[in-house]
Amino acid sequence: VRARRETIIGAGALDAILAVLSNGSVKGKVFAARALGNLAYRQDELVGAQWANLSAAIKALVTLLSNGNAMGKVDAARTLAYISHLGEEETRLNSIVEAGVLPPLVTIMKDESATRDALFYASM
């Protein structure tokens, strides 16, 4: 799995994923959030090295968390949770909070129709 992630990131896929996350269709943004989450999951040294790019992704993920469809909110929350655990956690958490993540997370937690997955990742 690690070798595949290294190959994907080494081929420049991270830039393409971030471009779709920022400028793609609603469906494209959902898939880009999911792809980024899969790359970020327990991959501190791989994705953490791309931190400059991830700061832009955090803003796009917070927007998806605020304005996306139900699946987009789940994937955005999941990916933000994974990113928050990369590298220097305090730095990542501060960046995520500064991007405005708290209001949409509180909204999801108060939403009775929110999915179990959205609630789970929002609580991470």
PDB file of N, CA and C in Angstrom:
ATOM      1  N   VAL A   1       0.835  -1.187   0.000  1.00  0.00           N
ATOM      2  CA  VAL A   1       0.000   0.000   0.000  1.00  0.00           C
ATOM      3  C   VAL A   1       0.882   1.253   0.000  1.00  0.00           C
ATOM      4  N   ARG A   2       1.900   1.235   0.841  1.00  0.00           N
ATOM      5  CA  ARG A   2       2.788   2.393   0.932  1.00  0.00           C
ATOM      6  C   ARG A   2       3.456   2.686  -0.404  1.00  0.00           C
ATOM      7  N   ALA A   3       3.942   1.644  -1.072  1.00  0.00           N
ATOM      8  CA  ALA A   3       4.617   1.829  -2.360  1.00  0.00           C
ATOM      9  C   ALA A   3       3.658   2.425  -3.390  1.00  0.00           C
ATOM     10  N   ARG A   4       2.402   1.996  -3.375  1.00  0.00           N
ATOM     11  CA  ARG A   4       1.419   2.551  -4.315  1.00  0.00           C
ATOM     12  C   ARG A   4       1.177   4.026  -4.032  1.00  0.00           C
ATOM     13  N   ARG A   5       1.089   4.374  -2.739  1.00  0.00           N
ATOM     14  CA  ARG A   5       0.887   5.784  -2.388  1.00  0.00           C
ATOM     15  C   ARG A   5       2.076   6.626  -2.812  1.00  0.00           C
ATOM     16  N   GLU A   6       3.276   6.105  -2.617  1.00  0.00           N
ATOM     17  CA  GLU A   6       4.477   6.833  -3.042  1.00  0.00           C
ATOM     18  C   GLU A   6       4.465   7.041  -4.546  1.00  0.00           C
ATOM     19  N   THR A   7       4.058   6.019  -5.301  1.00  0.00           N
ATOM     20  CA  THR A   7       3.987   6.116  -6.755  1.00  0.00           C
ATOM     21  C   THR A   7       2.957   7.154  -7.180  1.00  0.00           C
ATOM     22  N   ILE A   8       1.801   7.125  -6.539  1.00  0.00           N
ATOM     23  CA  ILE A   8       0.728   8.070  -6.871  1.00  0.00           C
ATOM     24  C   ILE A   8       1.180   9.501  -6.606  1.00  0.00           C
ATOM     25  N   ILE A   9       1.756   9.748  -5.438  1.00  0.00           N
ATOM     26  CA  ILE A   9       2.203  11.095  -5.094  1.00  0.00           C
ATOM     27  C   ILE A   9       3.379  11.501  -5.974  1.00  0.00           C
ATOM     28  N   GLY A  10       4.302  10.579  -6.214  1.00  0.00           N
ATOM     29  CA  GLY A  10       5.458  10.862  -7.055  1.00  0.00           C
ATOM     30  C   GLY A  10       5.092  11.204  -8.488  1.00  0.00           C
ATOM     31  N   ALA A  11       3.975  10.681  -8.954  1.00  0.00           N
ATOM     32  CA  ALA A  11       3.522  10.958 -10.325  1.00  0.00           C
ATOM     33  C   ALA A  11       2.818  12.304 -10.438  1.00  0.00           C
ATOM     34  N   GLY A  12       2.668  13.007  -9.317  1.00  0.00           N
ATOM     35  CA  GLY A  12       2.031  14.323  -9.363  1.00  0.00           C
ATOM     36  C   GLY A  12       0.536  14.306  -9.175  1.00  0.00           C
ATOM     37  N   ALA A  13      -0.001  13.189  -8.732  1.00  0.00           N
ATOM     38  CA  ALA A  13      -1.447  13.080  -8.567  1.00  0.00           C
ATOM     39  C   ALA A  13      -1.984  14.022  -7.500  1.00  0.00           C
ATOM     40  N   LEU A  14      -1.167  14.341  -6.517  1.00  0.00           N
ATOM     41  CA  LEU A  14      -1.642  15.208  -5.446  1.00  0.00           C
ATOM     42  C   LEU A  14      -2.054  16.573  -5.986  1.00  0.00           C
ATOM     43  N   ASP A  15      -1.271  17.133  -6.899  1.00  0.00           N
ATOM     44  CA  ASP A  15      -1.623  18.424  -7.491  1.00  0.00           C
ATOM     45  C   ASP A  15      -2.936  18.331  -8.260  1.00  0.00           C
ATOM     46  N   ALA A  16      -3.125  17.237  -8.995  1.00  0.00           N
ATOM     47  CA  ALA A  16      -4.366  17.059  -9.755  1.00  0.00           C
ATOM     48  C   ALA A  16      -5.567  16.913  -8.819  1.00  0.00           C
ATOM     49  N   ILE A  17      -5.394  16.164  -7.749  1.00  0.00           N
ATOM     50  CA  ILE A  17      -6.471  15.982  -6.773  1.00  0.00           C
ATOM     51  C   ILE A  17      -6.838  17.328  -6.145  1.00  0.00           C
ATOM     52  N   LEU A  18      -5.828  18.108  -5.786  1.00  0.00           N
ATOM     53  CA  LEU A  18      -6.085  19.409  -5.175  1.00  0.00           C
ATOM     54  C   LEU A  18      -6.764  20.362  -6.147  1.00  0.00           C
ATOM     55  N   ALA A  19      -6.432  20.277  -7.427  1.00  0.00           N
ATOM     56  CA  ALA A  19      -7.083  21.125  -8.434  1.00  0.00           C
ATOM     57  C   ALA A  19      -8.562  20.793  -8.546  1.00  0.00           C
ATOM     58  N   VAL A  20      -8.902  19.517  -8.564  1.00  0.00           N
ATOM     59  CA  VAL A  20     -10.308  19.112  -8.631  1.00  0.00           C
ATOM     60  C   VAL A  20     -11.029  19.493  -7.347  1.00  0.00           C
ATOM     61  N   LEU A  21     -10.377  19.310  -6.222  1.00  0.00           N
ATOM     62  CA  LEU A  21     -10.980  19.663  -4.945  1.00  0.00           C
ATOM     63  C   LEU A  21     -11.315  21.152  -4.886  1.00  0.00           C
ATOM     64  N   SER A  22     -10.488  21.975  -5.464  1.00  0.00           N
ATOM     65  CA  SER A  22     -10.708  23.418  -5.440  1.00  0.00           C
ATOM     66  C   SER A  22     -11.642  23.904  -6.548  1.00  0.00           C
ATOM     67  N   ASN A  23     -11.571  23.284  -7.727  1.00  0.00           N
ATOM     68  CA  ASN A  23     -12.265  23.842  -8.895  1.00  0.00           C
ATOM     69  C   ASN A  23     -13.169  22.864  -9.637  1.00  0.00           C
ATOM     70  N   GLY A  24     -13.320  21.669  -9.144  1.00  0.00           N
ATOM     71  CA  GLY A  24     -14.091  20.662  -9.865  1.00  0.00           C
ATOM     72  C   GLY A  24     -15.587  20.781  -9.649  1.00  0.00           C
ATOM     73  N   SER A  25     -16.315  19.871 -10.269  1.00  0.00           N
ATOM     74  CA  SER A  25     -17.758  19.781 -10.065  1.00  0.00           C
ATOM     75  C   SER A  25     -18.028  19.294  -8.644  1.00  0.00           C
ATOM     76  N   VAL A  26     -19.273  19.349  -8.232  1.00  0.00           N
ATOM     77  CA  VAL A  26     -19.626  18.876  -6.886  1.00  0.00           C
ATOM     78  C   VAL A  26     -19.210  17.418  -6.728  1.00  0.00           C
ATOM     79  N   LYS A  27     -19.553  16.590  -7.702  1.00  0.00           N
ATOM     80  CA  LYS A  27     -19.203  15.173  -7.635  1.00  0.00           C
ATOM     81  C   LYS A  27     -17.688  14.989  -7.664  1.00  0.00           C
ATOM     82  N   GLY A  28     -17.004  15.771  -8.488  1.00  0.00           N
ATOM     83  CA  GLY A  28     -15.548  15.690  -8.558  1.00  0.00           C
ATOM     84  C   GLY A  28     -14.900  16.051  -7.236  1.00  0.00           C
ATOM     85  N   LYS A  29     -15.436  17.073  -6.562  1.00  0.00           N
ATOM     86  CA  LYS A  29     -14.895  17.484  -5.268  1.00  0.00           C
ATOM     87  C   LYS A  29     -15.053  16.379  -4.231  1.00  0.00           C
ATOM     88  N   VAL A  30     -16.183  15.680  -4.275  1.00  0.00           N
ATOM     89  CA  VAL A  30     -16.408  14.571  -3.340  1.00  0.00           C
ATOM     90  C   VAL A  30     -15.360  13.484  -3.566  1.00  0.00           C
ATOM     91  N   PHE A  31     -15.146  13.111  -4.830  1.00  0.00           N
ATOM     92  CA  PHE A  31     -14.167  12.068  -5.127  1.00  0.00           C
ATOM     93  C   PHE A  31     -12.743  12.530  -4.816  1.00  0.00           C
ATOM     94  N   ALA A  32     -12.459  13.808  -5.049  1.00  0.00           N
ATOM     95  CA  ALA A  32     -11.130  14.332  -4.738  1.00  0.00           C
ATOM     96  C   ALA A  32     -10.890  14.327  -3.233  1.00  0.00           C
ATOM     97  N   ALA A  33     -11.905  14.694  -2.456  1.00  0.00           N
ATOM     98  CA  ALA A  33     -11.773  14.655  -0.993  1.00  0.00           C
ATOM     99  C   ALA A  33     -11.510  13.235  -0.526  1.00  0.00           C
ATOM    100  N   ARG A  34     -12.215  12.292  -1.111  1.00  0.00           N
ATOM    101  CA  ARG A  34     -12.027  10.886  -0.744  1.00  0.00           C
ATOM    102  C   ARG A  34     -10.622  10.409  -1.116  1.00  0.00           C
ATOM    103  N   ALA A  35     -10.165  10.771  -2.313  1.00  0.00           N
ATOM    104  CA  ALA A  35      -8.824  10.366  -2.752  1.00  0.00           C
ATOM    105  C   ALA A  35      -7.747  10.962  -1.847  1.00  0.00           C
ATOM    106  N   LEU A  36      -7.899  12.238  -1.517  1.00  0.00           N
ATOM    107  CA  LEU A  36      -6.934  12.879  -0.628  1.00  0.00           C
ATOM    108  C   LEU A  36      -6.942  12.227   0.748  1.00  0.00           C
ATOM    109  N   GLY A  37      -8.113  11.883   1.247  1.00  0.00           N
ATOM    110  CA  GLY A  37      -8.210  11.188   2.529  1.00  0.00           C
ATOM    111  C   GLY A  37      -7.508   9.850   2.495  1.00  0.00           C
ATOM    112  N   ASN A  38      -7.670   9.124   1.395  1.00  0.00           N
ATOM    113  CA  ASN A  38      -7.005   7.827   1.269  1.00  0.00           C
ATOM    114  C   ASN A  38      -5.489   7.988   1.246  1.00  0.00           C
ATOM    115  N   LEU A  39      -5.004   9.053   0.618  1.00  0.00           N
ATOM    116  CA  LEU A  39      -3.561   9.290   0.598  1.00  0.00           C
ATOM    117  C   LEU A  39      -3.053   9.754   1.962  1.00  0.00           C
ATOM    118  N   ALA A  40      -3.862  10.529   2.669  1.00  0.00           N
ATOM    119  CA  ALA A  40      -3.425  11.101   3.948  1.00  0.00           C
ATOM    120  C   ALA A  40      -3.494  10.113   5.106  1.00  0.00           C
ATOM    121  N   TYR A  41      -4.310   9.085   4.991  1.00  0.00           N
ATOM    122  CA  TYR A  41      -4.514   8.155   6.098  1.00  0.00           C
ATOM    123  C   TYR A  41      -3.202   7.500   6.502  1.00  0.00           C
ATOM    124  N   ARG A  42      -2.739   7.828   7.696  1.00  0.00           N
ATOM    125  CA  ARG A  42      -1.520   7.253   8.284  1.00  0.00           C
ATOM    126  C   ARG A  42      -0.289   7.378   7.384  1.00  0.00           C
ATOM    127  N   GLN A  43      -0.194   8.465   6.670  1.00  0.00           N
ATOM    128  CA  GLN A  43       0.931   8.645   5.750  1.00  0.00           C
ATOM    129  C   GLN A  43       1.651   9.950   6.024  1.00  0.00           C
ATOM    130  N   ASP A  44       2.028  10.143   7.241  1.00  0.00           N
ATOM    131  CA  ASP A  44       2.664  11.381   7.680  1.00  0.00           C
ATOM    132  C   ASP A  44       3.820  11.812   6.786  1.00  0.00           C
ATOM    133  N   GLU A  45       4.720  10.902   6.495  1.00  0.00           N
ATOM    134  CA  GLU A  45       5.908  11.283   5.748  1.00  0.00           C
ATOM    135  C   GLU A  45       5.622  11.553   4.277  1.00  0.00           C
ATOM    136  N   LEU A  46       4.575  10.951   3.734  1.00  0.00           N
ATOM    137  CA  LEU A  46       4.277  11.148   2.319  1.00  0.00           C
ATOM    138  C   LEU A  46       3.515  12.446   2.075  1.00  0.00           C
ATOM    139  N   VAL A  47       2.397  12.603   2.724  1.00  0.00           N
ATOM    140  CA  VAL A  47       1.569  13.768   2.492  1.00  0.00           C
ATOM    141  C   VAL A  47       2.077  14.960   3.298  1.00  0.00           C
ATOM    142  N   GLY A  48       2.652  14.688   4.456  1.00  0.00           N
ATOM    143  CA  GLY A  48       3.167  15.776   5.283  1.00  0.00           C
ATOM    144  C   GLY A  48       4.216  16.607   4.560  1.00  0.00           C
ATOM    145  N   ALA A  49       4.959  15.983   3.664  1.00  0.00           N
ATOM    146  CA  ALA A  49       5.969  16.706   2.898  1.00  0.00           C
ATOM    147  C   ALA A  49       5.323  17.692   1.923  1.00  0.00           C
ATOM    148  N   GLN A  50       4.075  17.500   1.617  1.00  0.00           N
ATOM    149  CA  GLN A  50       3.345  18.349   0.681  1.00  0.00           C
ATOM    150  C   GLN A  50       2.496  19.381   1.418  1.00  0.00           C
ATOM    151  N   TRP A  51       2.895  19.763   2.625  1.00  0.00           N
ATOM    152  CA  TRP A  51       2.069  20.618   3.469  1.00  0.00           C
ATOM    153  C   TRP A  51       1.666  21.924   2.802  1.00  0.00           C
ATOM    154  N   ALA A  52       2.549  22.543   2.035  1.00  0.00           N
ATOM    155  CA  ALA A  52       2.208  23.818   1.386  1.00  0.00           C
ATOM    156  C   ALA A  52       0.966  23.642   0.515  1.00  0.00           C
ATOM    157  N   ASN A  53       0.880  22.518  -0.174  1.00  0.00           N
ATOM    158  CA  ASN A  53      -0.291  22.243  -0.999  1.00  0.00           C
ATOM    159  C   ASN A  53      -1.519  21.929  -0.150  1.00  0.00           C
ATOM    160  N   LEU A  54      -1.310  21.294   0.984  1.00  0.00           N
ATOM    161  CA  LEU A  54      -2.441  20.885   1.806  1.00  0.00           C
ATOM    162  C   LEU A  54      -3.141  22.065   2.467  1.00  0.00           C
ATOM    163  N   SER A  55      -2.441  23.176   2.676  1.00  0.00           N
ATOM    164  CA  SER A  55      -3.115  24.324   3.279  1.00  0.00           C
ATOM    165  C   SER A  55      -4.228  24.830   2.376  1.00  0.00           C
ATOM    166  N   ALA A  56      -4.034  24.786   1.064  1.00  0.00           N
ATOM    167  CA  ALA A  56      -5.098  25.146   0.124  1.00  0.00           C
ATOM    168  C   ALA A  56      -6.204  24.095   0.150  1.00  0.00           C
ATOM    169  N   ALA A  57      -5.831  22.852   0.299  1.00  0.00           N
ATOM    170  CA  ALA A  57      -6.813  21.774   0.359  1.00  0.00           C
ATOM    171  C   ALA A  57      -7.699  21.912   1.585  1.00  0.00           C
ATOM    172  N   ILE A  58      -7.127  22.337   2.697  1.00  0.00           N
ATOM    173  CA  ILE A  58      -7.913  22.493   3.922  1.00  0.00           C
ATOM    174  C   ILE A  58      -9.044  23.486   3.691  1.00  0.00           C
ATOM    175  N   LYS A  59      -8.754  24.585   3.046  1.00  0.00           N
ATOM    176  CA  LYS A  59      -9.791  25.585   2.767  1.00  0.00           C
ATOM    177  C   LYS A  59     -10.892  24.994   1.885  1.00  0.00           C
ATOM    178  N   ALA A  60     -10.485  24.249   0.861  1.00  0.00           N
ATOM    179  CA  ALA A  60     -11.465  23.630  -0.030  1.00  0.00           C
ATOM    180  C   ALA A  60     -12.286  22.566   0.707  1.00  0.00           C
ATOM    181  N   LEU A  61     -11.652  21.829   1.604  1.00  0.00           N
ATOM    182  CA  LEU A  61     -12.368  20.816   2.382  1.00  0.00           C
ATOM    183  C   LEU A  61     -13.371  21.451   3.343  1.00  0.00           C
ATOM    184  N   VAL A  62     -12.998  22.566   3.953  1.00  0.00           N
ATOM    185  CA  VAL A  62     -13.925  23.269   4.847  1.00  0.00           C
ATOM    186  C   VAL A  62     -15.119  23.782   4.057  1.00  0.00           C
ATOM    187  N   THR A  63     -14.881  24.275   2.845  1.00  0.00           N
ATOM    188  CA  THR A  63     -15.989  24.720   1.990  1.00  0.00           C
ATOM    189  C   THR A  63     -16.896  23.545   1.645  1.00  0.00           C
ATOM    190  N   LEU A  64     -16.330  22.403   1.314  1.00  0.00           N
ATOM    191  CA  LEU A  64     -17.124  21.209   1.022  1.00  0.00           C
ATOM    192  C   LEU A  64     -17.892  20.760   2.259  1.00  0.00           C
ATOM    193  N   LEU A  65     -17.277  20.842   3.397  1.00  0.00           N
ATOM    194  CA  LEU A  65     -17.929  20.494   4.659  1.00  0.00           C
ATOM    195  C   LEU A  65     -19.119  21.414   4.921  1.00  0.00           C
ATOM    196  N   SER A  66     -18.991  22.670   4.535  1.00  0.00           N
ATOM    197  CA  SER A  66     -20.057  23.654   4.754  1.00  0.00           C
ATOM    198  C   SER A  66     -21.173  23.554   3.718  1.00  0.00           C
ATOM    199  N   ASN A  67     -20.788  23.355   2.458  1.00  0.00           N
ATOM    200  CA  ASN A  67     -21.748  23.494   1.359  1.00  0.00           C
ATOM    201  C   ASN A  67     -21.963  22.239   0.538  1.00  0.00           C
ATOM    202  N   GLY A  68     -21.286  21.171   0.865  1.00  0.00           N
ATOM    203  CA  GLY A  68     -21.381  19.968   0.048  1.00  0.00           C
ATOM    204  C   GLY A  68     -22.627  19.155   0.331  1.00  0.00           C
ATOM    205  N   ASN A  69     -22.807  18.121  -0.495  1.00  0.00           N
ATOM    206  CA  ASN A  69     -23.896  17.185  -0.238  1.00  0.00           C
ATOM    207  C   ASN A  69     -23.505  16.278   0.928  1.00  0.00           C
ATOM    208  N   ALA A  70     -24.383  15.380   1.299  1.00  0.00           N
ATOM    209  CA  ALA A  70     -24.134  14.532   2.477  1.00  0.00           C
ATOM    210  C   ALA A  70     -22.841  13.744   2.346  1.00  0.00           C
ATOM    211  N   MET A  71     -22.608  13.150   1.177  1.00  0.00           N
ATOM    212  CA  MET A  71     -21.379  12.367   0.981  1.00  0.00           C
ATOM    213  C   MET A  71     -20.160  13.274   0.999  1.00  0.00           C
ATOM    214  N   GLY A  72     -20.269  14.445   0.425  1.00  0.00           N
ATOM    215  CA  GLY A  72     -19.160  15.395   0.433  1.00  0.00           C
ATOM    216  C   GLY A  72     -18.779  15.804   1.843  1.00  0.00           C
ATOM    217  N   LYS A  73     -19.795  15.991   2.676  1.00  0.00           N
ATOM    218  CA  LYS A  73     -19.522  16.366   4.069  1.00  0.00           C
ATOM    219  C   LYS A  73     -18.803  15.244   4.815  1.00  0.00           C
ATOM    220  N   VAL A  74     -19.217  14.022   4.564  1.00  0.00           N
ATOM    221  CA  VAL A  74     -18.562  12.877   5.201  1.00  0.00           C
ATOM    222  C   VAL A  74     -17.099  12.792   4.762  1.00  0.00           C
ATOM    223  N   ASP A  75     -16.869  12.875   3.446  1.00  0.00           N
ATOM    224  CA  ASP A  75     -15.502  12.752   2.951  1.00  0.00           C
ATOM    225  C   ASP A  75     -14.636  13.927   3.371  1.00  0.00           C
ATOM    226  N   ALA A  76     -15.203  15.128   3.411  1.00  0.00           N
ATOM    227  CA  ALA A  76     -14.441  16.290   3.864  1.00  0.00           C
ATOM    228  C   ALA A  76     -14.076  16.143   5.336  1.00  0.00           C
ATOM    229  N   ALA A  77     -15.020  15.729   6.156  1.00  0.00           N
ATOM    230  CA  ALA A  77     -14.747  15.548   7.586  1.00  0.00           C
ATOM    231  C   ALA A  77     -13.698  14.466   7.805  1.00  0.00           C
ATOM    232  N   ARG A  78     -13.809  13.375   7.063  1.00  0.00           N
ATOM    233  CA  ARG A  78     -12.845  12.271   7.192  1.00  0.00           C
ATOM    234  C   ARG A  78     -11.448  12.727   6.798  1.00  0.00           C
ATOM    235  N   THR A  79     -11.347  13.426   5.685  1.00  0.00           N
ATOM    236  CA  THR A  79     -10.046  13.860   5.205  1.00  0.00           C
ATOM    237  C   THR A  79      -9.430  14.897   6.139  1.00  0.00           C
ATOM    238  N   LEU A  80     -10.245  15.814   6.636  1.00  0.00           N
ATOM    239  CA  LEU A  80      -9.735  16.792   7.610  1.00  0.00           C
ATOM    240  C   LEU A  80      -9.245  16.092   8.880  1.00  0.00           C
ATOM    241  N   ALA A  81      -9.960  15.071   9.308  1.00  0.00           N
ATOM    242  CA  ALA A  81      -9.523  14.316  10.490  1.00  0.00           C
ATOM    243  C   ALA A  81      -8.171  13.664  10.238  1.00  0.00           C
ATOM    244  N   TYR A  82      -7.990  13.069   9.054  1.00  0.00           N
ATOM    245  CA  TYR A  82      -6.706  12.433   8.740  1.00  0.00           C
ATOM    246  C   TYR A  82      -5.593  13.475   8.638  1.00  0.00           C
ATOM    247  N   ILE A  83      -5.858  14.600   7.973  1.00  0.00           N
ATOM    248  CA  ILE A  83      -4.855  15.642   7.830  1.00  0.00           C
ATOM    249  C   ILE A  83      -4.459  16.195   9.196  1.00  0.00           C
ATOM    250  N   SER A  84      -5.423  16.266  10.095  1.00  0.00           N
ATOM    251  CA  SER A  84      -5.130  16.829  11.419  1.00  0.00           C
ATOM    252  C   SER A  84      -4.104  16.000  12.187  1.00  0.00           C
ATOM    253  N   HIS A  85      -3.903  14.761  11.786  1.00  0.00           N
ATOM    254  CA  HIS A  85      -2.960  13.883  12.476  1.00  0.00           C
ATOM    255  C   HIS A  85      -1.611  13.790  11.775  1.00  0.00           C
ATOM    256  N   LEU A  86      -1.410  14.559  10.712  1.00  0.00           N
ATOM    257  CA  LEU A  86      -0.147  14.521   9.988  1.00  0.00           C
ATOM    258  C   LEU A  86       0.883  15.425  10.641  1.00  0.00           C
ATOM    259  N   GLY A  87       2.110  14.962  10.712  1.00  0.00           N
ATOM    260  CA  GLY A  87       3.217  15.809  11.137  1.00  0.00           C
ATOM    261  C   GLY A  87       3.002  16.483  12.475  1.00  0.00           C
ATOM    262  N   GLU A  88       3.262  17.763  12.507  1.00  0.00           N
ATOM    263  CA  GLU A  88       3.105  18.549  13.726  1.00  0.00           C
ATOM    264  C   GLU A  88       1.621  18.817  13.926  1.00  0.00           C
ATOM    265  N   GLU A  89       0.987  17.975  14.731  1.00  0.00           N
ATOM    266  CA  GLU A  89      -0.465  18.025  14.890  1.00  0.00           C
ATOM    267  C   GLU A  89      -0.980  19.398  15.275  1.00  0.00           C
ATOM    268  N   GLU A  90      -0.311  20.059  16.190  1.00  0.00           N
ATOM    269  CA  GLU A  90      -0.800  21.358  16.642  1.00  0.00           C
ATOM    270  C   GLU A  90      -0.843  22.359  15.492  1.00  0.00           C
ATOM    271  N   THR A  91       0.175  22.338  14.646  1.00  0.00           N
ATOM    272  CA  THR A  91       0.206  23.224  13.487  1.00  0.00           C
ATOM    273  C   THR A  91      -0.946  22.905  12.549  1.00  0.00           C
ATOM    274  N   ARG A  92      -1.177  21.625  12.290  1.00  0.00           N
ATOM    275  CA  ARG A  92      -2.254  21.213  11.391  1.00  0.00           C
ATOM    276  C   ARG A  92      -3.610  21.605  11.978  1.00  0.00           C
ATOM    277  N   LEU A  93      -3.793  21.325  13.251  1.00  0.00           N
ATOM    278  CA  LEU A  93      -5.072  21.651  13.889  1.00  0.00           C
ATOM    279  C   LEU A  93      -5.330  23.150  13.861  1.00  0.00           C
ATOM    280  N   ASN A  94      -4.308  23.947  14.145  1.00  0.00           N
ATOM    281  CA  ASN A  94      -4.478  25.397  14.095  1.00  0.00           C
ATOM    282  C   ASN A  94      -4.865  25.859  12.693  1.00  0.00           C
ATOM    283  N   SER A  95      -4.238  25.287  11.677  1.00  0.00           N
ATOM    284  CA  SER A  95      -4.561  25.653  10.294  1.00  0.00           C
ATOM    285  C   SER A  95      -5.993  25.281   9.945  1.00  0.00           C
ATOM    286  N   ILE A  96      -6.424  24.130  10.417  1.00  0.00           N
ATOM    287  CA  ILE A  96      -7.790  23.677  10.135  1.00  0.00           C
ATOM    288  C   ILE A  96      -8.793  24.572  10.851  1.00  0.00           C
ATOM    289  N   VAL A  97      -8.532  24.911  12.094  1.00  0.00           N
ATOM    290  CA  VAL A  97      -9.429  25.790  12.845  1.00  0.00           C
ATOM    291  C   VAL A  97      -9.454  27.181  12.207  1.00  0.00           C
ATOM    292  N   GLU A  98      -8.288  27.700  11.820  1.00  0.00           N
ATOM    293  CA  GLU A  98      -8.217  29.016  11.188  1.00  0.00           C
ATOM    294  C   GLU A  98      -8.959  29.050   9.856  1.00  0.00           C
ATOM    295  N   ALA A  99      -9.082  27.910   9.195  1.00  0.00           N
ATOM    296  CA  ALA A  99      -9.807  27.844   7.922  1.00  0.00           C
ATOM    297  C   ALA A  99     -11.318  27.877   8.125  1.00  0.00           C
ATOM    298  N   GLY A 100     -11.768  27.862   9.377  1.00  0.00           N
ATOM    299  CA  GLY A 100     -13.191  27.995   9.655  1.00  0.00           C
ATOM    300  C   GLY A 100     -13.945  26.695   9.815  1.00  0.00           C
ATOM    301  N   VAL A 101     -13.285  25.651  10.256  1.00  0.00           N
ATOM    302  CA  VAL A 101     -13.913  24.341  10.347  1.00  0.00           C
ATOM    303  C   VAL A 101     -14.950  24.229  11.468  1.00  0.00           C
ATOM    304  N   LEU A 102     -14.816  25.018  12.514  1.00  0.00           N
ATOM    305  CA  LEU A 102     -15.685  24.813  13.682  1.00  0.00           C
ATOM    306  C   LEU A 102     -17.171  25.046  13.410  1.00  0.00           C
ATOM    307  N   PRO A 103     -17.574  26.137  12.769  1.00  0.00           N
ATOM    308  CA  PRO A 103     -19.019  26.313  12.537  1.00  0.00           C
ATOM    309  C   PRO A 103     -19.677  25.161  11.751  1.00  0.00           C
ATOM    310  N   PRO A 104     -19.082  24.694  10.633  1.00  0.00           N
ATOM    311  CA  PRO A 104     -19.734  23.569   9.956  1.00  0.00           C
ATOM    312  C   PRO A 104     -19.728  22.274  10.775  1.00  0.00           C
ATOM    313  N   LEU A 105     -18.679  22.058  11.572  1.00  0.00           N
ATOM    314  CA  LEU A 105     -18.656  20.852  12.416  1.00  0.00           C
ATOM    315  C   LEU A 105     -19.754  20.910  13.470  1.00  0.00           C
ATOM    316  N   VAL A 106     -19.933  22.054  14.077  1.00  0.00           N
ATOM    317  CA  VAL A 106     -20.998  22.205  15.073  1.00  0.00           C
ATOM    318  C   VAL A 106     -22.358  21.999  14.418  1.00  0.00           C
ATOM    319  N   THR A 107     -22.534  22.538  13.216  1.00  0.00           N
ATOM    320  CA  THR A 107     -23.796  22.358  12.495  1.00  0.00           C
ATOM    321  C   THR A 107     -24.071  20.882  12.234  1.00  0.00           C
ATOM    322  N   ILE A 108     -23.049  20.149  11.796  1.00  0.00           N
ATOM    323  CA  ILE A 108     -23.217  18.715  11.540  1.00  0.00           C
ATOM    324  C   ILE A 108     -23.581  17.981  12.825  1.00  0.00           C
ATOM    325  N   MET A 109     -22.931  18.328  13.910  1.00  0.00           N
ATOM    326  CA  MET A 109     -23.195  17.640  15.180  1.00  0.00           C
ATOM    327  C   MET A 109     -24.604  17.929  15.701  1.00  0.00           C
ATOM    328  N   LYS A 110     -25.156  19.074  15.352  1.00  0.00           N
ATOM    329  CA  LYS A 110     -26.512  19.417  15.784  1.00  0.00           C
ATOM    330  C   LYS A 110     -27.581  18.899  14.829  1.00  0.00           C
ATOM    331  N   ASP A 111     -27.173  18.497  13.642  1.00  0.00           N
ATOM    332  CA  ASP A 111     -28.112  18.078  12.602  1.00  0.00           C
ATOM    333  C   ASP A 111     -28.608  16.660  12.876  1.00  0.00           C
ATOM    334  N   GLU A 112     -29.892  16.527  13.145  1.00  0.00           N
ATOM    335  CA  GLU A 112     -30.465  15.217  13.448  1.00  0.00           C
ATOM    336  C   GLU A 112     -30.453  14.289  12.241  1.00  0.00           C
ATOM    337  N   SER A 113     -30.372  14.853  11.045  1.00  0.00           N
ATOM    338  CA  SER A 113     -30.375  14.015   9.845  1.00  0.00           C
ATOM    339  C   SER A 113     -28.959  13.662   9.388  1.00  0.00           C
ATOM    340  N   ALA A 114     -27.939  14.157  10.087  1.00  0.00           N
ATOM    341  CA  ALA A 114     -26.554  13.862   9.696  1.00  0.00           C
ATOM    342  C   ALA A 114     -26.299  12.360   9.799  1.00  0.00           C
ATOM    343  N   THR A 115     -25.503  11.867   8.883  1.00  0.00           N
ATOM    344  CA  THR A 115     -25.201  10.440   8.893  1.00  0.00           C
ATOM    345  C   THR A 115     -24.281  10.097  10.053  1.00  0.00           C
ATOM    346  N   ARG A 116     -24.307   8.858  10.421  1.00  0.00           N
ATOM    347  CA  ARG A 116     -23.434   8.365  11.494  1.00  0.00           C
ATOM    348  C   ARG A 116     -21.971   8.610  11.143  1.00  0.00           C
ATOM    349  N   ASP A 117     -21.598   8.402   9.874  1.00  0.00           N
ATOM    350  CA  ASP A 117     -20.211   8.615   9.460  1.00  0.00           C
ATOM    351  C   ASP A 117     -19.814  10.074   9.591  1.00  0.00           C
ATOM    352  N   ALA A 118     -20.696  10.982   9.178  1.00  0.00           N
ATOM    353  CA  ALA A 118     -20.384  12.411   9.289  1.00  0.00           C
ATOM    354  C   ALA A 118     -20.188  12.794  10.748  1.00  0.00           C
ATOM    355  N   LEU A 119     -21.028  12.282  11.611  1.00  0.00           N
ATOM    356  CA  LEU A 119     -20.901  12.576  13.042  1.00  0.00           C
ATOM    357  C   LEU A 119     -19.606  12.006  13.606  1.00  0.00           C
ATOM    358  N   PHE A 120     -19.274  10.791  13.189  1.00  0.00           N
ATOM    359  CA  PHE A 120     -18.040  10.157  13.666  1.00  0.00           C
ATOM    360  C   PHE A 120     -16.821  10.980  13.299  1.00  0.00           C
ATOM    361  N   TYR A 121     -16.687  11.322  12.014  1.00  0.00           N
ATOM    362  CA  TYR A 121     -15.503  12.060  11.583  1.00  0.00           C
ATOM    363  C   TYR A 121     -15.506  13.484  12.105  1.00  0.00           C
ATOM    364  N   ALA A 122     -16.667  14.087  12.256  1.00  0.00           N
ATOM    365  CA  ALA A 122     -16.736  15.446  12.790  1.00  0.00           C
ATOM    366  C   ALA A 122     -16.258  15.475  14.236  1.00  0.00           C
ATOM    367  N   SER A 123     -16.410  14.360  14.933  1.00  0.00           N
ATOM    368  CA  SER A 123     -16.012  14.319  16.342  1.00  0.00           C
ATOM    369  C   SER A 123     -14.532  14.019  16.547  1.00  0.00           C
ATOM    370  N   MET A 124     -13.816  13.650  15.463  1.00  0.00           N
ATOM    371  CA  MET A 124     -12.395  13.324  15.584  1.00  0.00           C
ATOM    372  C   MET A 124     -11.654  14.591  15.799  1.00  0.00           C
TER     373      MET A 124
END
